[in-house]
Amino acid sequence: MMRPIPLIYRANLTPAIALLDEIGAPTAKLLRYVGIFTLDHQPSGYLPLRSTWAFLLNAAGAEGLWDLGFRIAERVRVARAGRWGPRVAGAVTLRHAIQTMSDWIRLDMPEVRIGLEKRATRHWFWREHRPDRRHLPGYYVGEQYMLGLMLEIVRKAEGPDWLPHRVEVEASARDWAGKRPEVLGEAIIEFGAARTAIELPPGSLDRRLPSPDSDLALDLSSDFGELPAANLRGSLHQALRSVVCEQELSLALGAKLSCVSERSLQRFLADEGTSWREVVDRVHLETALDLMGERTNSLADIAATLGYSQYPHFYRAFQRWTGESPSAYMKRLDS
């Protein structure tokens, strides 16, 4: 059984795009290069993690920003970090914040694990990926981003001027261009570590945290919507939903997203009781229904958006999926 495609919640990329737009980077071109295109059609949902990190790596190289991940973290602030951030920002103590982060971060980053461990007399706040993804290009930028947010969480307990004494990072010194970020001060940095970790000051875990700023007091009662799929079929569906309005859903694309050959992808899907055609049909149907529900798109435009060269092809496909014509469905919506 093949593991699901590694994904990341789409909205987590928005701060990076905003930052790059501000400095005049060719953001749209960099996104297209890795197959993400734009975020306009579906701001929610999930993106392939490999494409996201490749985008960040290319952006860091193009703009000479060895510390891009730290810059994004500084811009975001914990309370606005995805869907887990508001809950962490509302924690009572540092221990509570770390536990809350551990419980909720998987909604946005399914493979990230967060925790605490004690070594001798000191506690360490750590983060890692399971399975190990350090071989993926751009991993170090994502690590910088998470380390920057972890440092902010500790500073809520220790004060805004606190600097760590010791830090472990999975990146190499070469990844950081041999430089030292200001957020780490004079900390002892161990490169090439097994996971990202910050040594915590004595007594910090049970210190009370300040209340979130009023402008960051976000609603915690909203529905989290779709969660990351736990199998290949579901994760492939989520990945394809993020690109369906931008490019043709070819078997070659599915194989690229899954990091396997086309034949292997078909075999793995068969093992899960489905097929490539069935996955694509479901993606096309759900997207068509979403676009129809907006009432601002003509049926011909919807057909073209989904890659149908002629409207009759879309018409027949929609009938096959639903048992009624697109126009009949629209009439039911309006009735």
Protein backbone atom coordinates (compact mmCIF):
# COMPACT_ATOMS: atom_id res chain seq x y z
CA MET A 1 0.00 0.00 0.00
CA MET A 2 1.45 3.34 -1.02
CA ARG A 3 1.58 6.23 1.45
CA PRO A 4 -0.52 9.35 0.75
CA ILE A 5 1.02 12.23 -1.19
CA PRO A 6 2.61 14.71 1.26
CA LEU A 7 0.45 17.82 1.32
CA ILE A 8 0.31 21.24 2.97
CA TYR A 9 -2.74 23.42 3.54
CA ARG A 10 -2.88 25.89 0.65
CA ALA A 11 -3.35 29.05 2.72
CA ASN A 12 0.06 28.52 4.37
CA LEU A 13 1.67 29.67 1.13
CA THR A 14 -0.15 33.02 1.09
CA PRO A 15 2.27 34.90 3.43
CA ALA A 16 5.27 33.81 1.35
CA ILE A 17 3.58 35.04 -1.83
CA ALA A 18 2.70 38.37 -0.21
CA LEU A 19 6.27 38.87 0.99
CA LEU A 20 7.73 38.03 -2.43
CA ASP A 21 5.25 40.31 -4.18
CA GLU A 22 6.30 43.17 -1.89
CA ILE A 23 9.96 42.87 -2.84
CA GLY A 24 9.14 42.62 -6.56
CA ALA A 25 9.96 38.94 -7.08
CA PRO A 26 8.54 37.22 -10.21
CA THR A 27 6.11 35.31 -8.00
CA ALA A 28 3.66 34.18 -10.70
CA LYS A 29 6.50 32.85 -12.84
CA LEU A 30 8.03 31.00 -9.90
CA LEU A 31 4.67 29.44 -9.04
CA ARG A 32 4.03 28.35 -12.62
CA TYR A 33 7.47 26.78 -12.80
CA VAL A 34 6.55 24.26 -10.09
CA GLY A 35 2.99 23.77 -11.35
CA ILE A 36 1.11 25.74 -8.69
CA PHE A 37 0.07 28.64 -10.94
CA THR A 38 -2.23 30.84 -8.81
CA LEU A 39 -4.21 30.54 -5.59
CA ASP A 40 -7.20 32.42 -6.96
CA HIS A 41 -9.48 29.53 -7.90
CA GLN A 42 -9.20 27.64 -4.62
CA PRO A 43 -7.66 29.48 -1.64
CA SER A 44 -8.45 26.53 0.64
CA GLY A 45 -7.53 22.89 0.11
CA TYR A 46 -4.09 21.32 -0.09
CA LEU A 47 -0.98 21.67 -2.24
CA PRO A 48 1.70 19.03 -2.87
CA LEU A 49 4.46 19.62 -0.34
CA ARG A 50 7.19 18.90 -2.90
CA SER A 51 5.92 21.69 -5.19
CA THR A 52 5.57 24.14 -2.30
CA TRP A 53 9.13 23.64 -1.07
CA ALA A 54 10.47 23.78 -4.63
CA PHE A 55 8.73 27.13 -5.07
CA LEU A 56 10.28 28.49 -1.85
CA LEU A 57 13.73 27.22 -2.80
CA ASN A 58 13.55 28.79 -6.26
CA ALA A 59 12.30 32.06 -4.76
CA ALA A 60 15.10 32.11 -2.18
CA GLY A 61 17.67 31.54 -4.92
CA ALA A 62 16.18 34.07 -7.33
CA GLU A 63 16.07 36.83 -4.71
CA GLY A 64 19.22 35.94 -2.80
CA LEU A 65 17.24 35.31 0.39
CA TRP A 66 19.08 32.57 2.28
CA ASP A 67 16.82 33.34 5.29
CA LEU A 68 13.48 33.37 3.42
CA GLY A 69 11.82 30.99 5.88
CA PHE A 70 12.69 33.20 8.85
CA ARG A 71 11.39 36.26 7.00
CA ILE A 72 8.06 34.57 6.31
CA ALA A 73 7.71 33.51 9.95
CA GLU A 74 8.40 37.06 11.12
CA ARG A 75 5.69 38.35 8.81
CA VAL A 76 3.06 35.76 9.76
CA ARG A 77 3.16 35.67 13.57
CA VAL A 78 1.86 32.58 15.32
CA ALA A 79 -1.73 33.76 15.72
CA ARG A 80 -2.11 33.90 11.93
CA ALA A 81 -0.19 30.73 11.12
CA GLY A 82 -2.65 28.52 9.29
CA ARG A 83 -5.56 27.00 11.16
CA TRP A 84 -3.55 25.91 14.19
CA GLY A 85 -2.01 29.28 15.05
CA PRO A 86 -5.02 30.95 16.73
CA ARG A 87 -5.31 28.08 19.19
CA VAL A 88 -1.63 28.20 20.07
CA ALA A 89 -1.82 31.99 20.52
CA GLY A 90 -4.61 31.49 23.04
CA ALA A 91 -2.67 29.03 25.21
CA VAL A 92 -2.26 29.77 28.92
CA THR A 93 1.30 28.52 29.46
CA LEU A 94 4.23 27.60 27.22
CA ARG A 95 3.65 23.92 27.98
CA HIS A 96 0.02 24.33 26.93
CA ALA A 97 1.07 26.17 23.75
CA ILE A 98 3.45 23.39 22.69
CA GLN A 99 0.87 20.70 23.41
CA THR A 100 -1.78 22.65 21.47
CA MET A 101 0.59 23.08 18.55
CA SER A 102 1.29 19.33 18.61
CA ASP A 103 -2.44 18.52 18.58
CA TRP A 104 -3.54 20.94 15.85
CA ILE A 105 -0.68 21.47 13.39
CA ARG A 106 -1.43 18.25 11.53
CA LEU A 107 -4.54 19.90 10.09
CA ASP A 108 -2.26 22.04 7.92
CA MET A 109 0.95 20.02 7.84
CA PRO A 110 -0.02 16.35 8.23
CA GLU A 111 3.55 15.05 8.45
CA VAL A 112 4.85 17.54 11.05
CA ARG A 113 5.32 16.36 14.63
CA ILE A 114 5.87 18.71 17.58
CA GLY A 115 6.87 17.82 21.11
CA LEU A 116 8.93 18.23 24.27
CA GLU A 117 11.78 16.13 25.60
CA LYS A 118 14.00 16.40 28.65
CA ARG A 119 17.77 16.00 28.44
CA ALA A 120 19.55 16.06 31.77
CA THR A 121 18.08 19.15 33.49
CA ARG A 122 16.81 21.02 30.41
CA HIS A 123 13.70 20.67 28.26
CA TRP A 124 13.86 20.90 24.46
CA PHE A 125 11.05 22.04 22.15
CA TRP A 126 11.37 19.97 18.97
CA ARG A 127 9.86 19.56 15.51
CA GLU A 128 10.36 16.88 12.86
CA HIS A 129 8.86 15.33 9.73
CA ARG A 130 7.65 11.74 9.62
CA PRO A 131 8.68 10.26 7.28
CA ASP A 132 11.95 12.11 6.84
CA ARG A 133 11.68 14.64 3.98
CA ARG A 134 15.12 16.26 4.26
CA HIS A 135 16.03 14.98 0.80
CA LEU A 136 13.39 17.20 -0.84
CA PRO A 137 14.73 20.43 -2.36
CA GLY A 138 13.67 23.44 -0.29
CA TYR A 139 13.18 21.51 2.93
CA TYR A 140 15.47 23.89 4.80
CA VAL A 141 13.25 26.89 3.95
CA GLY A 142 10.28 25.14 5.52
CA GLU A 143 12.42 24.30 8.54
CA GLN A 144 13.42 27.96 8.93
CA TYR A 145 9.75 28.95 8.84
CA MET A 146 8.80 26.53 11.59
CA LEU A 147 11.85 27.39 13.69
CA GLY A 148 10.96 31.09 13.46
CA LEU A 149 7.45 30.39 14.73
CA MET A 150 8.75 28.14 17.50
CA LEU A 151 11.06 30.94 18.67
CA GLU A 152 8.11 33.34 18.75
CA ILE A 153 6.15 30.93 20.94
CA VAL A 154 9.01 30.70 23.45
CA ARG A 155 9.34 34.51 23.47
CA LYS A 156 5.74 34.74 24.61
CA ALA A 157 6.94 33.15 27.84
CA GLU A 158 10.43 34.69 28.05
CA GLY A 159 9.82 38.15 26.62
CA PRO A 160 10.40 39.64 23.16
CA ASP A 161 14.16 40.12 23.69
CA TRP A 162 14.89 36.53 24.68
CA LEU A 163 17.52 34.71 22.62
CA PRO A 164 18.13 30.96 22.73
CA HIS A 165 21.30 29.45 24.20
CA ARG A 166 21.36 26.32 22.05
CA VAL A 167 19.52 25.34 18.85
CA GLU A 168 19.60 22.23 16.67
CA VAL A 169 18.68 22.37 12.98
CA GLU A 170 18.46 19.73 10.28
CA ALA A 171 19.86 22.12 7.66
CA SER A 172 23.56 22.35 6.90
CA ALA A 173 25.63 25.49 7.42
CA ARG A 174 25.86 25.61 3.63
CA ASP A 175 22.05 25.80 3.36
CA TRP A 176 22.24 28.98 5.43
CA ALA A 177 25.06 30.34 3.25
CA GLY A 178 27.33 30.23 6.30
CA LYS A 179 25.35 33.07 7.89
CA ARG A 180 23.60 33.52 11.22
CA PRO A 181 20.04 34.89 11.52
CA GLU A 182 19.48 37.69 14.00
CA VAL A 183 16.64 35.75 15.65
CA LEU A 184 19.20 33.27 17.03
CA GLY A 185 21.57 35.84 18.50
CA GLU A 186 24.77 34.13 19.69
CA ALA A 187 23.15 30.73 20.17
CA ILE A 188 25.22 27.58 19.77
CA ILE A 189 23.87 26.06 16.53
CA GLU A 190 24.23 22.36 15.77
CA PHE A 191 23.75 21.80 12.04
CA GLY A 192 22.76 18.47 10.53
CA ALA A 193 20.79 17.44 13.61
CA ALA A 194 18.20 14.68 13.63
CA ARG A 195 15.42 17.22 14.13
CA THR A 196 14.81 20.91 14.78
CA ALA A 197 14.98 21.76 18.50
CA ILE A 198 15.32 24.72 20.88
CA GLU A 199 16.75 24.41 24.39
CA LEU A 200 14.28 26.03 26.80
CA PRO A 201 15.24 28.16 29.82
CA PRO A 202 14.59 26.64 33.26
CA GLY A 203 11.05 27.20 34.50
CA SER A 204 9.74 28.48 31.17
CA LEU A 205 7.21 25.72 30.51
CA ASP A 206 4.81 26.75 33.26
CA ARG A 207 5.05 30.53 32.82
CA ARG A 208 1.77 32.19 31.95
CA LEU A 209 1.56 33.64 28.46
CA PRO A 210 0.12 37.08 27.65
CA SER A 211 -3.27 37.25 25.96
CA PRO A 212 -3.21 37.62 22.15
CA ASP A 213 -3.28 41.13 20.74
CA SER A 214 -6.85 42.28 20.11
CA ASP A 215 -6.26 42.44 16.35
CA LEU A 216 -5.17 38.81 16.41
CA ALA A 217 -8.07 37.48 18.48
CA LEU A 218 -9.37 35.18 15.76
CA ASP A 219 -12.52 33.07 15.76
CA LEU A 220 -11.80 29.56 17.03
CA SER A 221 -15.26 28.16 16.41
CA SER A 222 -15.12 27.95 12.61
CA ASP A 223 -15.36 24.63 10.81
CA PHE A 224 -12.01 23.24 9.72
CA GLY A 225 -13.55 21.77 6.59
CA GLU A 226 -11.67 19.12 4.65
CA LEU A 227 -8.88 17.31 6.48
CA PRO A 228 -5.80 15.78 4.82
CA ALA A 229 -6.50 12.35 3.37
CA ALA A 230 -4.84 9.31 4.87
CA ASN A 231 -4.54 7.29 1.65
CA LEU A 232 -3.20 7.70 -1.89
CA ARG A 233 -6.61 8.03 -3.53
CA GLY A 234 -7.75 10.82 -1.23
CA SER A 235 -4.47 12.74 -1.22
CA LEU A 236 -4.23 12.53 -5.01
CA HIS A 237 -7.76 13.88 -5.25
CA GLN A 238 -6.86 16.79 -2.94
CA ALA A 239 -3.69 17.57 -4.89
CA LEU A 240 -5.53 17.51 -8.23
CA ARG A 241 -8.30 19.74 -6.90
CA SER A 242 -5.68 22.41 -6.28
CA VAL A 243 -4.56 22.50 -9.93
CA VAL A 244 -7.64 21.42 -11.90
CA CYS A 245 -8.50 24.96 -13.02
CA GLU A 246 -4.97 25.58 -14.25
CA GLN A 247 -3.78 22.54 -16.16
CA GLU A 248 -4.87 19.28 -17.77
CA LEU A 249 -5.22 16.38 -15.36
CA SER A 250 -3.04 13.92 -17.22
CA LEU A 251 -1.78 10.60 -15.91
CA ALA A 252 1.73 12.01 -16.27
CA LEU A 253 0.81 14.84 -13.89
CA GLY A 254 -0.64 12.36 -11.38
CA ALA A 255 2.53 10.29 -11.52
CA LYS A 256 4.65 13.39 -10.99
CA LEU A 257 2.61 14.43 -7.94
CA SER A 258 2.81 10.90 -6.55
CA CYS A 259 6.54 10.51 -7.30
CA VAL A 260 6.01 7.16 -9.01
CA SER A 261 5.77 5.91 -12.58
CA GLU A 262 2.45 6.07 -14.43
CA ARG A 263 2.15 2.28 -14.35
CA SER A 264 2.89 2.15 -10.61
CA LEU A 265 0.31 4.86 -9.91
CA GLN A 266 -2.37 2.89 -11.75
CA ARG A 267 -1.43 -0.24 -9.82
CA PHE A 268 -1.49 1.50 -6.43
CA LEU A 269 -4.89 3.05 -7.19
CA ALA A 270 -6.22 -0.36 -8.21
CA ASP A 271 -5.03 -1.71 -4.86
CA GLU A 272 -7.27 0.90 -3.21
CA GLY A 273 -10.26 -0.11 -5.34
CA THR A 274 -10.25 2.82 -7.75
CA SER A 275 -8.64 4.05 -10.97
CA TRP A 276 -7.04 7.17 -12.37
CA ARG A 277 -10.15 7.85 -14.46
CA GLU A 278 -12.42 7.62 -11.42
CA VAL A 279 -10.24 10.04 -9.43
CA VAL A 280 -10.21 12.57 -12.29
CA ASP A 281 -13.96 12.25 -12.82
CA ARG A 282 -14.60 13.01 -9.16
CA VAL A 283 -12.29 16.04 -9.28
CA HIS A 284 -13.99 17.34 -12.43
CA LEU A 285 -17.47 16.80 -11.02
CA GLU A 286 -16.79 18.52 -7.69
CA THR A 287 -15.11 21.45 -9.41
CA ALA A 288 -17.93 21.76 -11.93
CA LEU A 289 -20.52 21.81 -9.15
CA ASP A 290 -18.54 24.47 -7.27
CA LEU A 291 -18.28 26.67 -10.36
CA MET A 292 -21.97 26.20 -11.17
CA GLY A 293 -22.88 27.18 -7.64
CA GLU A 294 -21.12 30.52 -8.07
CA ARG A 295 -23.71 31.44 -10.75
CA THR A 296 -21.11 33.68 -12.45
CA ASN A 297 -19.74 31.17 -14.95
CA SER A 298 -21.35 30.08 -18.19
CA LEU A 299 -21.50 26.35 -18.85
CA ALA A 300 -19.18 26.79 -21.83
CA ASP A 301 -16.65 28.60 -19.62
CA ILE A 302 -16.87 25.86 -16.99
CA ALA A 303 -16.25 23.22 -19.65
CA ALA A 304 -13.20 25.14 -20.92
CA THR A 305 -11.86 25.64 -17.38
CA LEU A 306 -11.96 21.90 -16.81
CA GLY A 307 -10.05 21.24 -20.02
CA TYR A 308 -12.85 20.10 -22.31
CA SER A 309 -12.06 21.30 -25.82
CA GLN A 310 -15.73 21.23 -26.82
CA TYR A 311 -18.84 21.76 -24.73
CA PRO A 312 -20.58 18.54 -25.93
CA HIS A 313 -17.76 16.53 -24.36
CA PHE A 314 -18.42 18.17 -21.00
CA TYR A 315 -22.19 17.75 -21.49
CA ARG A 316 -21.85 13.98 -21.97
CA ALA A 317 -19.43 13.63 -19.07
CA PHE A 318 -21.73 15.55 -16.71
CA GLN A 319 -24.67 13.36 -17.70
CA ARG A 320 -22.58 10.28 -17.03
CA TRP A 321 -21.61 11.58 -13.58
CA THR A 322 -25.00 12.84 -12.42
CA GLY A 323 -27.67 11.37 -14.67
CA GLU A 324 -28.84 14.82 -15.82
CA SER A 325 -27.64 17.54 -18.16
CA PRO A 326 -25.68 20.58 -16.93
CA SER A 327 -28.54 22.91 -17.93
CA ALA A 328 -31.07 20.80 -16.02
CA TYR A 329 -28.85 20.93 -12.95
CA MET A 330 -28.59 24.71 -13.22
CA LYS A 331 -32.36 25.01 -13.47
CA ARG A 332 -32.73 23.00 -10.28
CA LEU A 333 -30.31 25.36 -8.55
CA ASP A 334 -32.38 28.35 -9.60
CA SER A 335 -35.75 26.83 -8.71
